[in-house]
Amino acid sequence: MRLDDQGASQNVEDRRGAGGAGIGRGTVGVGTLVIALVAGYFLGVDPAAILGLVSGGAPAPSAARAPQPPPAGDKMATFVAKVLGSTETTWDEVFAAAGRRYQEPKLVLFSGATPTACGTGKSAMGPFYCPADQKVYIDLAFYRDLRERFRAPGEFAQAYVIAHEVGHHVQNLLGISDKVHAAQQRSANRAAANALSVRLELQADCFAGVWAHRADSRSRILEPGDVEQALNAASAIGDDRLQRQTQGQIVPESFTHGSSEQRVRWFRRGMESGDIRQCDTFSAAAL
């Protein structure tokens, strides 16, 4: 993956080593946190959504120290900042073409745990987006899991993860996330609510593909094998594969992110078209 000519985003906040100060005081209970962790790590449920629902979206206490940029010379942090910068350029263009202004999200690097406006963030949740503070959270140790546990190595696979979470930010700005969450709250059917979550997640995959298409057209970031890395990552974290690994059986009605095949299909759709209009998972008769 070529990022030599890509400027690094200034919207990266480094909380690594902050010690998780101020986490969870009066925000969520231990039992709720355990449920969120299990759901996020094993079933693909967005823990931030669970915690935000319980805490009412109230901001968690701020970290003990002022926001810090990553240190110079940190190669992985620089990589993340450049990927984020590339997504900013892409979505700036897309929003400007629609006569709107793109509000850039912050990306928070943390280790272990950190306070968020959606409750307490934990490494075991994997990367997630919190709409209440418009921040993407990631413990870079996840990339080790991506490589070793999910068998999805490579820089472009790592970039796909960030682009997917930024896709959730785009959904938040467009009002899509609010509509989906409102529909889920009105629904008394768990399977129906899960189905809406799947469509939301697949759209974020498609948005990640749109970023990849436009970034490559603009800056030629892709090298041989990069697309396969992203497709492999999308496949590796499909609900069916994760359930098979953790439960020994597949329960489609409990899917919240989509199957491996669906995730690959929608990422590829965005990647091949570069057109956000091709990412309407909510109108699609079949996913």
Protein backbone atom coordinates (compact mmCIF):
# COMPACT_ATOMS: atom_id res chain seq x y z
CA MET A 1 0.00 0.00 0.00
CA ARG A 2 1.55 3.30 -1.09
CA LEU A 3 1.00 6.22 1.28
CA ASP A 4 4.26 8.11 0.76
CA ASP A 5 2.51 11.12 -0.79
CA GLN A 6 -0.41 11.10 1.66
CA GLY A 7 -0.41 13.71 4.39
CA ALA A 8 -1.13 12.55 7.92
CA SER A 9 -4.37 13.65 9.53
CA GLN A 10 -4.12 16.00 12.48
CA ASN A 11 -7.26 14.45 13.97
CA VAL A 12 -5.49 11.60 15.79
CA GLU A 13 -5.52 11.62 19.58
CA ASP A 14 -3.09 9.37 21.44
CA ARG A 15 -4.33 8.10 24.80
CA ARG A 16 -1.97 5.16 25.01
CA GLY A 17 -0.38 5.07 28.40
CA ALA A 18 -3.09 7.26 29.91
CA GLY A 19 -4.03 4.42 32.25
CA GLY A 20 -7.75 4.58 31.55
CA ALA A 21 -8.23 7.34 34.10
CA GLY A 22 -11.80 8.35 34.75
CA ILE A 23 -13.35 5.33 33.09
CA GLY A 24 -16.88 4.28 33.76
CA ARG A 25 -17.57 6.15 37.00
CA GLY A 26 -21.31 6.08 37.27
CA THR A 27 -21.70 5.26 33.59
CA VAL A 28 -22.18 1.52 33.18
CA GLY A 29 -22.22 -1.44 35.50
CA VAL A 30 -19.78 -4.33 35.40
CA GLY A 31 -22.49 -6.74 34.24
CA THR A 32 -23.44 -4.50 31.34
CA LEU A 33 -19.82 -4.09 30.36
CA VAL A 34 -19.31 -7.86 30.32
CA ILE A 35 -22.37 -8.30 28.11
CA ALA A 36 -21.09 -5.63 25.75
CA LEU A 37 -17.66 -7.22 25.57
CA VAL A 38 -19.02 -10.67 24.84
CA ALA A 39 -21.43 -9.36 22.24
CA GLY A 40 -18.77 -7.27 20.55
CA TYR A 41 -15.98 -9.83 20.54
CA PHE A 42 -17.90 -12.99 19.77
CA LEU A 43 -21.18 -12.03 18.10
CA GLY A 44 -20.27 -8.92 16.16
CA VAL A 45 -22.68 -6.66 18.07
CA ASP A 46 -21.51 -3.05 18.34
CA PRO A 47 -20.54 -2.66 22.02
CA ALA A 48 -20.62 1.12 21.76
CA ALA A 49 -24.28 0.95 20.82
CA ILE A 50 -25.02 -1.29 23.81
CA LEU A 51 -23.15 0.93 26.23
CA GLY A 52 -24.60 4.10 24.73
CA LEU A 53 -28.11 2.72 25.07
CA VAL A 54 -27.57 1.93 28.74
CA SER A 55 -25.85 5.20 29.61
CA GLY A 56 -28.30 7.27 27.61
CA GLY A 57 -25.48 8.62 25.50
CA ALA A 58 -24.19 10.74 28.37
CA PRO A 59 -20.54 11.70 28.00
CA ALA A 60 -18.13 9.65 30.04
CA PRO A 61 -15.60 11.50 32.19
CA SER A 62 -12.77 12.93 30.15
CA ALA A 63 -9.32 11.44 30.18
CA ALA A 64 -6.97 12.67 32.88
CA ARG A 65 -4.61 14.38 30.47
CA ALA A 66 -5.16 16.76 27.59
CA PRO A 67 -5.39 15.20 24.10
CA GLN A 68 -1.96 14.37 22.71
CA PRO A 69 -0.82 13.67 19.13
CA PRO A 70 1.10 10.44 18.49
CA PRO A 71 4.87 10.75 18.96
CA ALA A 72 7.02 11.36 15.91
CA GLY A 73 8.60 8.19 14.61
CA ASP A 74 5.74 5.90 15.63
CA LYS A 75 5.33 4.04 12.33
CA MET A 76 1.99 2.41 13.09
CA ALA A 77 0.47 5.62 14.40
CA THR A 78 1.75 7.44 11.32
CA PHE A 79 0.19 4.79 9.10
CA VAL A 80 -3.16 5.19 10.85
CA ALA A 81 -2.94 8.98 10.57
CA LYS A 82 -2.21 8.75 6.84
CA VAL A 83 -5.12 6.38 6.24
CA LEU A 84 -7.40 8.73 8.17
CA GLY A 85 -6.05 11.63 6.13
CA SER A 86 -6.90 9.75 2.95
CA THR A 87 -10.47 9.17 4.12
CA GLU A 88 -10.77 12.88 4.94
CA THR A 89 -9.75 13.84 1.41
CA THR A 90 -12.20 11.36 -0.09
CA TRP A 91 -15.21 12.34 2.00
CA ASP A 92 -14.41 16.04 1.72
CA GLU A 93 -14.78 15.58 -2.06
CA VAL A 94 -17.96 13.50 -1.84
CA PHE A 95 -19.72 15.91 0.52
CA ALA A 96 -18.56 18.98 -1.42
CA ALA A 97 -20.00 17.50 -4.61
CA ALA A 98 -23.36 17.27 -2.80
CA GLY A 99 -23.11 20.86 -1.57
CA ARG A 100 -22.30 19.88 2.00
CA ARG A 101 -19.34 20.20 4.33
CA TYR A 102 -17.73 17.07 5.72
CA GLN A 103 -17.10 17.15 9.46
CA GLU A 104 -13.94 15.17 10.04
CA PRO A 105 -14.01 12.64 12.88
CA LYS A 106 -11.33 12.22 15.51
CA LEU A 107 -9.48 8.93 15.80
CA VAL A 108 -8.39 7.88 19.28
CA LEU A 109 -5.51 5.47 19.88
CA PHE A 110 -5.79 3.77 23.25
CA SER A 111 -4.52 0.73 25.08
CA GLY A 112 -6.60 -1.39 27.40
CA ALA A 113 -9.52 0.91 28.11
CA THR A 114 -10.63 4.49 27.61
CA PRO A 115 -13.66 6.68 28.39
CA THR A 116 -15.95 7.55 25.50
CA ALA A 117 -19.27 9.36 25.13
CA CYS A 118 -20.82 5.94 24.51
CA GLY A 119 -19.50 4.43 27.74
CA THR A 120 -16.24 2.66 28.47
CA GLY A 121 -14.21 1.47 25.49
CA LYS A 122 -12.27 -1.77 25.90
CA SER A 123 -9.63 -3.35 23.70
CA ALA A 124 -11.66 -6.57 23.50
CA MET A 125 -14.41 -4.69 21.67
CA GLY A 126 -12.19 -4.18 18.67
CA PRO A 127 -12.30 -0.89 16.74
CA PHE A 128 -15.59 1.02 17.04
CA TYR A 129 -17.20 4.36 16.27
CA CYS A 130 -19.05 6.41 18.88
CA PRO A 131 -21.62 8.73 17.26
CA ALA A 132 -22.09 10.71 20.49
CA ASP A 133 -18.57 12.18 20.29
CA GLN A 134 -17.92 11.48 16.58
CA LYS A 135 -14.74 9.56 17.33
CA VAL A 136 -13.27 6.31 16.06
CA TYR A 137 -11.53 4.25 18.75
CA ILE A 138 -8.86 1.64 18.15
CA ASP A 139 -6.33 -0.26 20.21
CA LEU A 140 -3.58 -1.03 17.72
CA ALA A 141 -3.21 -4.46 19.33
CA PHE A 142 -6.29 -5.34 17.26
CA TYR A 143 -4.08 -5.47 14.21
CA ARG A 144 -2.23 -8.38 15.81
CA ASP A 145 -5.58 -10.15 16.23
CA LEU A 146 -6.46 -9.32 12.63
CA ARG A 147 -3.24 -10.93 11.48
CA GLU A 148 -3.10 -13.91 13.85
CA ARG A 149 -6.66 -14.73 14.94
CA PHE A 150 -8.51 -13.68 11.81
CA ARG A 151 -5.71 -14.62 9.38
CA ALA A 152 -6.08 -11.28 7.59
CA PRO A 153 -2.62 -9.69 7.37
CA GLY A 154 -1.51 -6.69 5.36
CA GLU A 155 -1.62 -2.90 5.46
CA PHE A 156 -4.65 -2.60 3.24
CA ALA A 157 -6.58 -4.94 5.53
CA GLN A 158 -5.66 -2.60 8.39
CA ALA A 159 -6.72 0.42 6.35
CA TYR A 160 -10.06 -1.24 5.54
CA VAL A 161 -10.82 -1.48 9.27
CA ILE A 162 -10.36 2.28 9.70
CA ALA A 163 -12.30 3.07 6.52
CA HIS A 164 -15.21 0.92 7.74
CA GLU A 165 -15.44 2.83 11.04
CA VAL A 166 -15.19 6.13 9.18
CA GLY A 167 -18.06 4.79 7.08
CA HIS A 168 -20.14 4.75 10.26
CA HIS A 169 -19.21 8.39 10.80
CA VAL A 170 -20.48 9.20 7.31
CA GLN A 171 -23.74 7.39 8.13
CA ASN A 172 -24.01 9.47 11.29
CA LEU A 173 -23.52 12.74 9.40
CA LEU A 174 -26.11 11.73 6.80
CA GLY A 175 -28.68 10.86 9.46
CA ILE A 176 -28.78 7.20 8.44
CA SER A 177 -27.65 5.87 11.81
CA ASP A 178 -30.33 7.79 13.72
CA LYS A 179 -33.07 6.47 11.44
CA VAL A 180 -31.86 2.90 11.85
CA HIS A 181 -31.56 3.13 15.62
CA ALA A 182 -35.03 4.71 15.86
CA ALA A 183 -36.48 1.89 13.77
CA GLN A 184 -34.72 -0.68 15.94
CA GLN A 185 -36.16 0.84 19.10
CA ARG A 186 -39.67 0.77 17.61
CA SER A 187 -39.29 -2.87 16.64
CA ALA A 188 -40.30 -5.52 19.12
CA ASN A 189 -38.67 -8.17 16.95
CA ARG A 190 -35.02 -8.91 17.74
CA ALA A 191 -34.42 -10.55 14.37
CA ALA A 192 -35.80 -7.50 12.55
CA ALA A 193 -33.60 -5.18 14.60
CA ASN A 194 -30.58 -7.35 13.83
CA ALA A 195 -31.45 -7.27 10.12
CA LEU A 196 -31.33 -3.47 10.19
CA SER A 197 -27.96 -3.60 11.89
CA VAL A 198 -26.68 -5.89 9.13
CA ARG A 199 -27.75 -3.40 6.46
CA LEU A 200 -26.05 -0.58 8.38
CA GLU A 201 -22.80 -2.53 8.65
CA LEU A 202 -22.82 -3.63 5.02
CA GLN A 203 -23.32 -0.03 3.95
CA ALA A 204 -20.26 0.94 6.01
CA ASP A 205 -18.35 -1.78 4.14
CA CYS A 206 -19.55 -0.31 0.85
CA PHE A 207 -18.49 3.17 1.98
CA ALA A 208 -15.05 1.74 2.78
CA GLY A 209 -14.95 0.45 -0.79
CA VAL A 210 -15.90 3.90 -2.12
CA TRP A 211 -12.95 5.36 -0.20
CA ALA A 212 -10.59 2.72 -1.63
CA HIS A 213 -11.74 3.39 -5.20
CA ARG A 214 -11.43 7.15 -4.94
CA ALA A 215 -8.15 7.12 -3.02
CA ASP A 216 -6.56 4.85 -5.59
CA SER A 217 -7.91 6.88 -8.51
CA ARG A 218 -6.48 10.00 -6.92
CA SER A 219 -3.15 8.80 -5.52
CA ARG A 220 -2.54 5.26 -6.80
CA ILE A 221 -2.31 3.83 -3.30
CA LEU A 222 -2.95 0.20 -4.26
CA GLU A 223 -0.26 -2.36 -4.92
CA PRO A 224 -0.69 -5.94 -6.19
CA GLY A 225 -2.51 -8.03 -3.61
CA ASP A 226 -3.94 -5.09 -1.65
CA VAL A 227 -7.55 -5.57 -2.73
CA GLU A 228 -7.32 -9.25 -1.84
CA GLN A 229 -6.13 -8.25 1.65
CA ALA A 230 -9.20 -6.10 2.22
CA LEU A 231 -11.55 -8.75 0.84
CA ASN A 232 -9.90 -11.33 3.08
CA ALA A 233 -10.38 -9.06 6.11
CA ALA A 234 -14.04 -8.46 5.23
CA SER A 235 -14.57 -12.20 4.88
CA ALA A 236 -12.70 -13.03 8.09
CA ILE A 237 -14.99 -10.93 10.28
CA GLY A 238 -18.29 -12.08 8.80
CA ASP A 239 -20.87 -13.16 11.37
CA ASP A 240 -21.07 -16.68 9.99
CA ARG A 241 -17.34 -17.28 10.29
CA LEU A 242 -17.12 -15.74 13.77
CA GLN A 243 -20.08 -17.75 15.02
CA ARG A 244 -18.63 -20.95 13.62
CA GLN A 245 -15.37 -20.23 15.43
CA THR A 246 -16.89 -19.28 18.77
CA GLN A 247 -20.17 -21.23 18.93
CA GLY A 248 -19.67 -24.10 16.55
CA GLN A 249 -22.91 -23.24 14.75
CA ILE A 250 -24.36 -20.46 12.60
CA VAL A 251 -27.52 -18.58 13.62
CA PRO A 252 -28.39 -16.22 10.72
CA GLU A 253 -31.18 -14.40 12.57
CA SER A 254 -28.61 -13.26 15.15
CA PHE A 255 -26.31 -11.73 12.53
CA THR A 256 -25.55 -8.04 13.15
CA HIS A 257 -22.75 -7.37 10.64
CA GLY A 258 -23.51 -9.68 7.74
CA SER A 259 -22.04 -12.89 6.42
CA SER A 260 -18.54 -13.12 4.99
CA GLU A 261 -19.98 -13.29 1.47
CA GLN A 262 -22.16 -10.24 2.04
CA ARG A 263 -19.35 -8.17 3.50
CA VAL A 264 -17.09 -8.97 0.58
CA ARG A 265 -19.87 -8.25 -1.93
CA TRP A 266 -20.68 -4.81 -0.57
CA PHE A 267 -17.07 -3.75 -0.12
CA ARG A 268 -16.40 -4.84 -3.68
CA ARG A 269 -19.46 -2.92 -4.89
CA GLY A 270 -18.15 0.32 -3.41
CA MET A 271 -14.64 -0.46 -4.57
CA GLU A 272 -15.66 -1.06 -8.17
CA SER A 273 -18.06 1.88 -8.46
CA GLY A 274 -16.62 4.57 -6.24
CA ASP A 275 -20.20 5.81 -6.05
CA ILE A 276 -21.95 6.31 -2.72
CA ARG A 277 -25.29 5.90 -4.48
CA GLN A 278 -24.42 2.25 -5.09
CA CYS A 279 -24.32 1.66 -1.32
CA ASP A 280 -28.05 1.78 -0.58
CA THR A 281 -28.26 -1.49 1.33
CA PHE A 282 -31.65 -0.47 2.74
CA SER A 283 -33.36 -0.56 -0.65
CA ALA A 284 -31.66 -3.74 -1.80
CA ALA A 285 -34.04 -6.68 -2.12
CA ALA A 286 -31.16 -9.08 -1.52
CA LEU A 287 -27.92 -8.48 0.32
